[in-house]
């Protein structure tokens, strides 16, 4: 049985390998993550009201690479005077917590799995091209029956 996979592209360039929700481009995790982060994204109309030194756009902290990118953004904003020191301190502390939580993740990019072309949504989000399918083998009931027979014979 083949099912479409999530079209979310992680910070490291890999496509999420979870099965997508029916009639949706994302898996459950990324669908919920993007819904929750919608209110944090600035639109063209709200960008004019942002106060320098207080507003940064950070991506969702879903893996070690995204934490590294966020650290780079905060440190560069602090170094160039675009971010208040107190706010930077709070952000860096939060990123330190995120980094410790992500320390046990050991996801290494595998070259054939890296996304090379993307499609963009009207909101400006990047998606993997449609059509990638995941092959799920059906549950093999025969193996279970054989295991039960072996136990009965003992």
C-alpha atoms as a PDB file:
ATOM      1  CA  UNK A   1       0.000   0.000   0.000  1.00  0.00           C
ATOM      2  CA  UNK A   2       1.381   3.386  -0.934  1.00  0.00           C
ATOM      3  CA  UNK A   3       0.553   6.586   0.905  1.00  0.00           C
ATOM      4  CA  UNK A   4       1.808  10.118   0.247  1.00  0.00           C
ATOM      5  CA  UNK A   5       4.408  11.467   2.661  1.00  0.00           C
ATOM      6  CA  UNK A   6       4.538  14.833   4.390  1.00  0.00           C
ATOM      7  CA  UNK A   7       5.835  17.639   2.156  1.00  0.00           C
ATOM      8  CA  UNK A   8       7.504  19.619   4.966  1.00  0.00           C
ATOM      9  CA  UNK A   9      11.186  20.348   4.388  1.00  0.00           C
ATOM     10  CA  UNK A  10      13.284  20.405   7.534  1.00  0.00           C
ATOM     11  CA  UNK A  11      16.087  22.904   8.127  1.00  0.00           C
ATOM     12  CA  UNK A  12      18.694  20.310   7.105  1.00  0.00           C
ATOM     13  CA  UNK A  13      17.101  19.918   3.657  1.00  0.00           C
ATOM     14  CA  UNK A  14      15.446  16.565   4.302  1.00  0.00           C
ATOM     15  CA  UNK A  15      11.788  15.940   3.633  1.00  0.00           C
ATOM     16  CA  UNK A  16       9.742  14.624   6.545  1.00  0.00           C
ATOM     17  CA  UNK A  17       9.101  10.919   6.000  1.00  0.00           C
ATOM     18  CA  UNK A  18       5.862  10.614   7.970  1.00  0.00           C
ATOM     19  CA  UNK A  19       2.675   9.759   6.085  1.00  0.00           C
ATOM     20  CA  UNK A  20       0.644  12.874   5.324  1.00  0.00           C
ATOM     21  CA  UNK A  21      -2.892  13.387   6.521  1.00  0.00           C
ATOM     22  CA  UNK A  22      -5.622  12.541   4.025  1.00  0.00           C
ATOM     23  CA  UNK A  23      -6.130  15.349   1.527  1.00  0.00           C
ATOM     24  CA  UNK A  24      -3.408  17.453   3.222  1.00  0.00           C
ATOM     25  CA  UNK A  25       0.217  18.111   2.326  1.00  0.00           C
ATOM     26  CA  UNK A  26       1.504  17.615   5.891  1.00  0.00           C
ATOM     27  CA  UNK A  27       1.698  14.888   8.512  1.00  0.00           C
ATOM     28  CA  UNK A  28      -0.144  15.423  11.763  1.00  0.00           C
ATOM     29  CA  UNK A  29       2.900  16.875  13.565  1.00  0.00           C
ATOM     30  CA  UNK A  30       3.771  19.432  10.882  1.00  0.00           C
ATOM     31  CA  UNK A  31       0.136  20.316  10.235  1.00  0.00           C
ATOM     32  CA  UNK A  32      -0.310  21.179  13.932  1.00  0.00           C
ATOM     33  CA  UNK A  33       3.080  22.888  14.144  1.00  0.00           C
ATOM     34  CA  UNK A  34       2.302  25.179  11.201  1.00  0.00           C
ATOM     35  CA  UNK A  35      -1.175  25.965  12.544  1.00  0.00           C
ATOM     36  CA  UNK A  36       0.266  26.964  15.910  1.00  0.00           C
ATOM     37  CA  UNK A  37       3.007  29.101  14.373  1.00  0.00           C
ATOM     38  CA  UNK A  38       0.716  30.992  11.976  1.00  0.00           C
ATOM     39  CA  UNK A  39       0.127  33.731  14.527  1.00  0.00           C
ATOM     40  CA  UNK A  40       3.894  34.213  14.940  1.00  0.00           C
ATOM     41  CA  UNK A  41       4.517  34.850  11.235  1.00  0.00           C
ATOM     42  CA  UNK A  42       4.464  38.444  10.113  1.00  0.00           C
ATOM     43  CA  UNK A  43       2.517  39.484   7.034  1.00  0.00           C
ATOM     44  CA  UNK A  44       3.387  42.306   4.662  1.00  0.00           C
ATOM     45  CA  UNK A  45       0.919  44.605   6.453  1.00  0.00           C
ATOM     46  CA  UNK A  46       2.276  43.864   9.947  1.00  0.00           C
ATOM     47  CA  UNK A  47       5.970  44.142   9.033  1.00  0.00           C
ATOM     48  CA  UNK A  48       5.752  47.937   9.044  1.00  0.00           C
ATOM     49  CA  UNK A  49       4.736  47.924  12.709  1.00  0.00           C
ATOM     50  CA  UNK A  50       7.637  45.802  13.954  1.00  0.00           C
ATOM     51  CA  UNK A  51       9.878  47.507  16.490  1.00  0.00           C
ATOM     52  CA  UNK A  52      13.590  47.095  15.746  1.00  0.00           C
ATOM     53  CA  UNK A  53      15.342  45.318  18.605  1.00  0.00           C
ATOM     54  CA  UNK A  54      12.226  43.484  19.711  1.00  0.00           C
ATOM     55  CA  UNK A  55      11.043  41.408  16.789  1.00  0.00           C
ATOM     56  CA  UNK A  56      12.872  38.518  15.165  1.00  0.00           C
ATOM     57  CA  UNK A  57      11.464  35.802  12.952  1.00  0.00           C
ATOM     58  CA  UNK A  58      12.631  32.383  14.082  1.00  0.00           C
ATOM     59  CA  UNK A  59      11.552  29.146  12.454  1.00  0.00           C
ATOM     60  CA  UNK A  60      10.023  26.304  14.451  1.00  0.00           C
ATOM     61  CA  UNK A  61      12.659  24.633  16.624  1.00  0.00           C
ATOM     62  CA  UNK A  62      12.032  21.067  15.477  1.00  0.00           C
ATOM     63  CA  UNK A  63      15.591  19.758  15.179  1.00  0.00           C
ATOM     64  CA  UNK A  64      19.220  20.586  15.998  1.00  0.00           C
ATOM     65  CA  UNK A  65      19.756  22.389  12.707  1.00  0.00           C
ATOM     66  CA  UNK A  66      16.821  24.745  13.283  1.00  0.00           C
ATOM     67  CA  UNK A  67      18.209  25.563  16.762  1.00  0.00           C
ATOM     68  CA  UNK A  68      21.592  26.379  15.162  1.00  0.00           C
ATOM     69  CA  UNK A  69      19.942  28.689  12.619  1.00  0.00           C
ATOM     70  CA  UNK A  70      17.963  30.428  15.387  1.00  0.00           C
ATOM     71  CA  UNK A  71      21.158  30.868  17.436  1.00  0.00           C
ATOM     72  CA  UNK A  72      22.841  32.423  14.427  1.00  0.00           C
ATOM     73  CA  UNK A  73      19.930  34.838  13.881  1.00  0.00           C
ATOM     74  CA  UNK A  74      19.868  35.936  17.546  1.00  0.00           C
ATOM     75  CA  UNK A  75      23.650  36.314  17.819  1.00  0.00           C
ATOM     76  CA  UNK A  76      23.903  38.279  14.574  1.00  0.00           C
ATOM     77  CA  UNK A  77      21.009  40.539  15.589  1.00  0.00           C
ATOM     78  CA  UNK A  78      22.702  41.176  18.939  1.00  0.00           C
ATOM     79  CA  UNK A  79      26.097  41.785  17.326  1.00  0.00           C
ATOM     80  CA  UNK A  80      24.693  44.319  14.855  1.00  0.00           C
ATOM     81  CA  UNK A  81      22.682  46.181  17.499  1.00  0.00           C
ATOM     82  CA  UNK A  82      19.310  45.083  16.113  1.00  0.00           C
ATOM     83  CA  UNK A  83      18.331  43.264  19.309  1.00  0.00           C
ATOM     84  CA  UNK A  84      18.090  44.498  22.888  1.00  0.00           C
ATOM     85  CA  UNK A  85      20.488  42.706  25.278  1.00  0.00           C
ATOM     86  CA  UNK A  86      17.768  41.663  27.744  1.00  0.00           C
ATOM     87  CA  UNK A  87      15.636  40.185  24.973  1.00  0.00           C
ATOM     88  CA  UNK A  88      18.657  38.437  23.453  1.00  0.00           C
ATOM     89  CA  UNK A  89      19.511  36.934  26.859  1.00  0.00           C
ATOM     90  CA  UNK A  90      16.001  35.492  27.209  1.00  0.00           C
ATOM     91  CA  UNK A  91      16.065  34.137  23.642  1.00  0.00           C
ATOM     92  CA  UNK A  92      19.502  32.586  24.105  1.00  0.00           C
ATOM     93  CA  UNK A  93      18.354  30.892  27.296  1.00  0.00           C
ATOM     94  CA  UNK A  94      15.346  29.461  25.470  1.00  0.00           C
ATOM     95  CA  UNK A  95      17.581  28.295  22.643  1.00  0.00           C
ATOM     96  CA  UNK A  96      19.898  26.664  25.177  1.00  0.00           C
ATOM     97  CA  UNK A  97      16.926  24.664  26.495  1.00  0.00           C
ATOM     98  CA  UNK A  98      15.912  23.745  22.950  1.00  0.00           C
ATOM     99  CA  UNK A  99      19.479  22.679  22.204  1.00  0.00           C
ATOM    100  CA  UNK A 100      19.593  20.419  25.265  1.00  0.00           C
ATOM    101  CA  UNK A 101      16.260  18.858  24.265  1.00  0.00           C
ATOM    102  CA  UNK A 102      17.497  18.250  20.717  1.00  0.00           C
ATOM    103  CA  UNK A 103      20.866  16.807  21.858  1.00  0.00           C
ATOM    104  CA  UNK A 104      19.609  13.241  21.600  1.00  0.00           C
ATOM    105  CA  UNK A 105      18.447  13.631  18.011  1.00  0.00           C
ATOM    106  CA  UNK A 106      20.916  12.073  15.607  1.00  0.00           C
ATOM    107  CA  UNK A 107      19.398  12.695  12.209  1.00  0.00           C
ATOM    108  CA  UNK A 108      22.012  12.875   9.485  1.00  0.00           C
ATOM    109  CA  UNK A 109      21.093  13.950   5.967  1.00  0.00           C
ATOM    110  CA  UNK A 110      21.288  11.210   3.363  1.00  0.00           C
ATOM    111  CA  UNK A 111      22.139  12.734  -0.022  1.00  0.00           C
ATOM    112  CA  UNK A 112      19.485  10.925  -2.125  1.00  0.00           C
ATOM    113  CA  UNK A 113      16.765  12.116   0.297  1.00  0.00           C
ATOM    114  CA  UNK A 114      17.640  15.830   0.125  1.00  0.00           C
ATOM    115  CA  UNK A 115      14.992  18.005  -1.512  1.00  0.00           C
ATOM    116  CA  UNK A 116      16.205  19.585  -4.737  1.00  0.00           C
ATOM    117  CA  UNK A 117      13.057  21.296  -5.976  1.00  0.00           C
ATOM    118  CA  UNK A 118      10.236  22.945  -4.067  1.00  0.00           C
ATOM    119  CA  UNK A 119       6.767  24.333  -4.565  1.00  0.00           C
ATOM    120  CA  UNK A 120       5.648  27.405  -2.639  1.00  0.00           C
ATOM    121  CA  UNK A 121       2.255  28.042  -1.089  1.00  0.00           C
ATOM    122  CA  UNK A 122       0.511  31.423  -1.412  1.00  0.00           C
ATOM    123  CA  UNK A 123       1.658  32.052   2.195  1.00  0.00           C
ATOM    124  CA  UNK A 124       5.286  31.684   1.107  1.00  0.00           C
ATOM    125  CA  UNK A 125       5.911  28.297   2.729  1.00  0.00           C
ATOM    126  CA  UNK A 126       8.150  25.870   0.880  1.00  0.00           C
ATOM    127  CA  UNK A 127       6.822  22.385   0.187  1.00  0.00           C
ATOM    128  CA  UNK A 128       8.395  19.321  -1.366  1.00  0.00           C
ATOM    129  CA  UNK A 129       7.101  18.564  -4.845  1.00  0.00           C
ATOM    130  CA  UNK A 130       3.925  16.437  -4.843  1.00  0.00           C
ATOM    131  CA  UNK A 131       3.980  12.841  -5.925  1.00  0.00           C
ATOM    132  CA  UNK A 132       6.477  11.313  -3.499  1.00  0.00           C
ATOM    133  CA  UNK A 133       4.970   8.096  -2.189  1.00  0.00           C
ATOM    134  CA  UNK A 134       5.805   5.897   0.793  1.00  0.00           C
ATOM    135  CA  UNK A 135       5.537   2.135   0.362  1.00  0.00           C
ATOM    136  CA  UNK A 136       3.937   0.533   3.432  1.00  0.00           C
ATOM    137  CA  UNK A 137       3.953  -3.249   3.491  1.00  0.00           C
ATOM    138  CA  UNK A 138       0.753  -4.736   4.812  1.00  0.00           C
ATOM    139  CA  UNK A 139       0.892  -6.426   8.206  1.00  0.00           C
ATOM    140  CA  UNK A 140       1.954 -10.011   7.660  1.00  0.00           C
ATOM    141  CA  UNK A 141      -0.547 -12.205   9.510  1.00  0.00           C
ATOM    142  CA  UNK A 142       1.173 -15.413   8.358  1.00  0.00           C
ATOM    143  CA  UNK A 143       4.298 -14.753  10.452  1.00  0.00           C
ATOM    144  CA  UNK A 144       2.166 -14.266  13.546  1.00  0.00           C
ATOM    145  CA  UNK A 145       0.308 -17.532  12.906  1.00  0.00           C
ATOM    146  CA  UNK A 146       3.636 -19.387  12.532  1.00  0.00           C
ATOM    147  CA  UNK A 147       4.906 -17.935  15.824  1.00  0.00           C
ATOM    148  CA  UNK A 148       1.741 -19.078  17.610  1.00  0.00           C
ATOM    149  CA  UNK A 149       2.096 -22.606  16.141  1.00  0.00           C
ATOM    150  CA  UNK A 150       5.716 -22.820  17.354  1.00  0.00           C
ATOM    151  CA  UNK A 151       4.658 -21.838  20.862  1.00  0.00           C
ATOM    152  CA  UNK A 152       1.873 -24.431  20.838  1.00  0.00           C
ATOM    153  CA  UNK A 153       4.337 -27.154  19.771  1.00  0.00           C
ATOM    154  CA  UNK A 154       6.609 -26.442  22.743  1.00  0.00           C
END
